[in-house]
Amino acid sequence: MSNRVVEQQKKIDREEWILDAVIALLSQHGISGVSMRAVAREAGVALGLVNYYYADKVTLVGAALRRIEEHDVTMVEPDPASSPEDNLRSALHRVADPEFLTTEYLSLRLQLWALAKAHPEYEEINAAAQKRYRAALAALIRSARPDLNGEEAAVRATDVDIIQNGMWLTVLLGLDQDAVRRSVALCERTAFQ
């Protein structure tokens, strides 16, 4: 491996550490717990390195939000080896995976929803992320139900997204696993009906 490739990988790793730190701090303390200094401390890097990659707190948090958006979109990416129906079912069940039903993850989701009201750039990122997620989900629905037109698939995707967000929100209140399963089943009925 060349020195240039090694250096590029180190840069990617450091940026990942920084964004991981932002996400952890958002989850634990909300936007008020995110500062350049706190991120550097959490990431285990020099403050100057955080400042090198990100001009200010807004661009730093914005980069973390975009990273979460990319993760959310992967939740609805189809597997070319699976049938359209299986791809849709998989996406609908994925939001109830144990990794997403932790207090830390759900706290992060609450912080992300609140951030949309904290700064116009965050609101823009959040709106774009939601639009991409719903469009990908609508494409899965349309693929599994080719008899639906694009508008109806989009309406169903919106309904499913709202149910999923409601499930995540209420899990924090101690919702039991039977309720989670009923929420996923409701998403399936909404998507497939």
Protein backbone atom coordinates (compact mmCIF):
# COMPACT_ATOMS: atom_id res chain seq x y z
CA MET A 1 0.00 0.00 0.00
CA SER A 2 1.38 3.40 -0.94
CA ASN A 3 1.98 6.18 1.60
CA ARG A 4 -0.68 8.25 -0.10
CA VAL A 5 -3.31 5.52 0.37
CA VAL A 6 -2.29 5.04 4.00
CA GLU A 7 -2.55 8.78 4.67
CA GLN A 8 -5.96 8.95 2.97
CA GLN A 9 -7.21 6.08 5.16
CA LYS A 10 -5.92 7.82 8.30
CA LYS A 11 -7.79 10.97 7.28
CA ILE A 12 -11.01 9.02 6.79
CA ASP A 13 -10.55 7.28 10.16
CA ARG A 14 -10.00 10.57 11.99
CA GLU A 15 -13.06 12.12 10.41
CA GLU A 16 -15.08 9.04 11.38
CA TRP A 17 -13.88 9.34 14.99
CA ILE A 18 -14.91 12.98 15.03
CA LEU A 19 -18.37 12.26 13.61
CA ASP A 20 -18.81 9.33 16.01
CA ALA A 21 -18.01 11.73 18.84
CA VAL A 22 -20.57 14.28 17.63
CA ILE A 23 -23.26 11.61 17.43
CA ALA A 24 -22.40 10.29 20.90
CA LEU A 25 -22.50 13.79 22.39
CA LEU A 26 -25.79 14.60 20.67
CA SER A 27 -27.29 11.40 22.01
CA GLN A 28 -26.07 11.98 25.56
CA HIS A 29 -26.33 15.76 25.96
CA GLY A 30 -28.18 17.25 23.00
CA ILE A 31 -26.90 20.17 20.97
CA SER A 32 -25.76 22.03 24.08
CA GLY A 33 -23.26 19.24 24.79
CA VAL A 34 -21.61 19.58 21.39
CA SER A 35 -18.67 21.96 21.20
CA MET A 36 -15.49 21.71 19.19
CA ARG A 37 -13.56 21.07 22.41
CA ALA A 38 -16.00 18.41 23.68
CA VAL A 39 -15.90 16.64 20.31
CA ALA A 40 -12.10 16.62 20.31
CA ARG A 41 -12.05 15.19 23.83
CA GLU A 42 -14.68 12.53 23.00
CA ALA A 43 -12.92 11.57 19.74
CA GLY A 44 -9.48 11.48 21.37
CA VAL A 45 -8.01 13.92 18.87
CA ALA A 46 -6.48 17.38 19.09
CA LEU A 47 -8.84 20.35 18.99
CA GLY A 48 -6.87 21.68 16.01
CA LEU A 49 -7.77 18.55 14.04
CA VAL A 50 -11.49 19.11 14.59
CA ASN A 51 -11.04 22.72 13.50
CA TYR A 52 -9.04 21.55 10.46
CA TYR A 53 -11.91 19.39 9.18
CA TYR A 54 -14.84 21.58 10.28
CA ALA A 55 -14.97 25.36 10.30
CA ASP A 56 -17.52 25.63 13.10
CA LYS A 57 -20.12 23.80 15.16
CA VAL A 58 -22.79 24.17 12.46
CA THR A 59 -20.70 22.45 9.78
CA LEU A 60 -19.59 19.81 12.28
CA VAL A 61 -23.14 18.93 13.35
CA GLY A 62 -24.30 19.18 9.73
CA ALA A 63 -21.70 16.57 8.69
CA ALA A 64 -22.88 14.25 11.46
CA LEU A 65 -26.51 14.69 10.35
CA ARG A 66 -25.57 13.83 6.76
CA ARG A 67 -23.80 10.71 8.00
CA ILE A 68 -26.95 9.63 9.85
CA GLU A 69 -28.95 10.32 6.69
CA GLU A 70 -26.71 7.98 4.72
CA HIS A 71 -27.22 5.30 7.36
CA ASP A 72 -31.00 5.76 7.26
CA VAL A 73 -31.08 5.39 3.48
CA THR A 74 -29.14 2.13 3.69
CA MET A 75 -32.03 0.78 5.79
CA VAL A 76 -34.24 0.85 2.70
CA GLU A 77 -31.74 -0.21 0.05
CA PRO A 78 -32.97 -3.26 -1.84
CA ASP A 79 -30.97 -6.46 -2.03
CA PRO A 80 -30.74 -7.43 -5.72
CA ALA A 81 -30.80 -11.12 -4.73
CA SER A 82 -34.17 -10.77 -2.95
CA SER A 83 -37.67 -10.43 -4.28
CA PRO A 84 -39.37 -7.01 -4.18
CA GLU A 85 -41.74 -8.28 -1.48
CA ASP A 86 -38.85 -9.58 0.65
CA ASN A 87 -36.96 -6.31 0.22
CA LEU A 88 -39.96 -4.34 1.44
CA ARG A 89 -40.58 -6.65 4.40
CA SER A 90 -36.91 -6.49 5.34
CA ALA A 91 -36.93 -2.68 5.30
CA LEU A 92 -40.13 -2.56 7.35
CA HIS A 93 -38.72 -4.93 9.96
CA ARG A 94 -35.27 -3.34 10.08
CA VAL A 95 -36.46 -0.33 12.10
CA ALA A 96 -37.37 -2.73 14.92
CA ASP A 97 -33.90 -4.27 15.04
CA PRO A 98 -32.48 -4.24 18.58
CA GLU A 99 -29.73 -1.78 17.55
CA PHE A 100 -32.40 0.86 16.92
CA LEU A 101 -34.42 0.22 20.07
CA THR A 102 -31.72 1.24 22.54
CA THR A 103 -32.12 4.27 24.77
CA GLU A 104 -28.97 5.78 23.25
CA TYR A 105 -30.20 5.47 19.66
CA LEU A 106 -33.72 6.64 20.47
CA SER A 107 -32.35 9.59 22.42
CA LEU A 108 -30.31 10.49 19.36
CA ARG A 109 -33.46 10.37 17.20
CA LEU A 110 -35.20 12.78 19.59
CA GLN A 111 -32.23 15.12 19.42
CA LEU A 112 -32.26 14.99 15.62
CA TRP A 113 -35.94 15.93 15.50
CA ALA A 114 -35.28 18.80 17.91
CA LEU A 115 -32.27 19.97 15.90
CA ALA A 116 -34.49 20.58 12.89
CA LYS A 117 -35.92 23.53 14.83
CA ALA A 118 -32.56 24.77 16.16
CA HIS A 119 -30.94 25.97 12.93
CA PRO A 120 -32.12 26.45 9.32
CA GLU A 121 -29.27 24.31 7.95
CA TYR A 122 -30.21 21.43 10.25
CA GLU A 123 -33.85 21.78 9.22
CA GLU A 124 -32.80 21.62 5.57
CA ILE A 125 -30.65 18.53 6.14
CA ASN A 126 -33.44 16.84 8.11
CA ALA A 127 -36.04 17.61 5.42
CA ALA A 128 -33.76 16.31 2.66
CA ALA A 129 -33.00 13.15 4.65
CA GLN A 130 -36.67 12.48 5.28
CA LYS A 131 -37.46 13.05 1.62
CA ARG A 132 -34.73 10.60 0.51
CA TYR A 133 -35.84 7.96 3.02
CA ARG A 134 -39.49 8.24 1.99
CA ALA A 135 -38.62 8.18 -1.73
CA ALA A 136 -36.55 5.01 -1.27
CA LEU A 137 -39.32 3.44 0.79
CA ALA A 138 -41.91 4.43 -1.85
CA ALA A 139 -39.72 2.79 -4.51
CA LEU A 140 -39.69 -0.43 -2.47
CA ILE A 141 -43.47 -0.27 -2.09
CA ARG A 142 -43.97 0.38 -5.80
CA SER A 143 -41.63 -2.48 -6.68
CA ALA A 144 -43.55 -4.88 -4.41
CA ARG A 145 -46.90 -3.48 -5.55
CA PRO A 146 -46.49 -2.52 -9.24
CA ASP A 147 -50.25 -1.93 -9.49
CA LEU A 148 -49.84 1.25 -7.40
CA ASN A 149 -49.02 4.57 -8.99
CA GLY A 150 -46.13 6.66 -7.72
CA GLU A 151 -48.37 9.02 -5.77
CA GLU A 152 -50.10 6.22 -3.85
CA ALA A 153 -46.75 4.57 -3.08
CA ALA A 154 -45.47 7.93 -1.77
CA VAL A 155 -48.55 8.35 0.46
CA ARG A 156 -48.01 4.87 1.89
CA ALA A 157 -44.32 5.54 2.44
CA THR A 158 -45.21 8.69 4.39
CA ASP A 159 -47.71 6.78 6.51
CA VAL A 160 -45.16 4.03 7.23
CA ASP A 161 -42.51 6.61 8.16
CA ILE A 162 -44.90 8.24 10.62
CA ILE A 163 -45.75 4.88 12.20
CA GLN A 164 -42.04 4.02 12.47
CA ASN A 165 -41.19 7.35 14.08
CA GLY A 166 -44.09 6.96 16.49
CA MET A 167 -42.87 3.50 17.41
CA TRP A 168 -39.37 4.82 18.11
CA LEU A 169 -40.75 7.67 20.17
CA THR A 170 -42.96 5.49 22.32
CA VAL A 171 -40.32 2.78 22.85
CA LEU A 172 -38.60 5.30 25.11
CA LEU A 173 -41.70 5.18 27.29
CA GLY A 174 -41.22 1.48 27.91
CA LEU A 175 -43.27 0.01 25.08
CA ASP A 176 -43.18 -3.78 25.17
CA GLN A 177 -42.02 -6.05 22.35
CA ASP A 178 -45.58 -7.07 21.47
CA ALA A 179 -46.38 -3.42 20.74
CA VAL A 180 -43.27 -3.15 18.56
CA ARG A 181 -44.38 -6.23 16.60
CA ARG A 182 -47.87 -4.76 16.18
CA SER A 183 -46.33 -1.52 14.88
CA VAL A 184 -44.24 -3.43 12.33
CA ALA A 185 -47.33 -5.43 11.30
CA LEU A 186 -49.23 -2.15 10.86
CA CYS A 187 -46.40 -0.90 8.63
CA GLU A 188 -46.70 -4.08 6.55
CA ARG A 189 -50.45 -3.71 6.20
CA THR A 190 -50.05 -0.08 5.21
CA ALA A 191 -47.40 -0.85 2.61
CA PHE A 192 -48.92 -4.00 1.13
CA GLN A 193 -52.69 -3.38 1.29
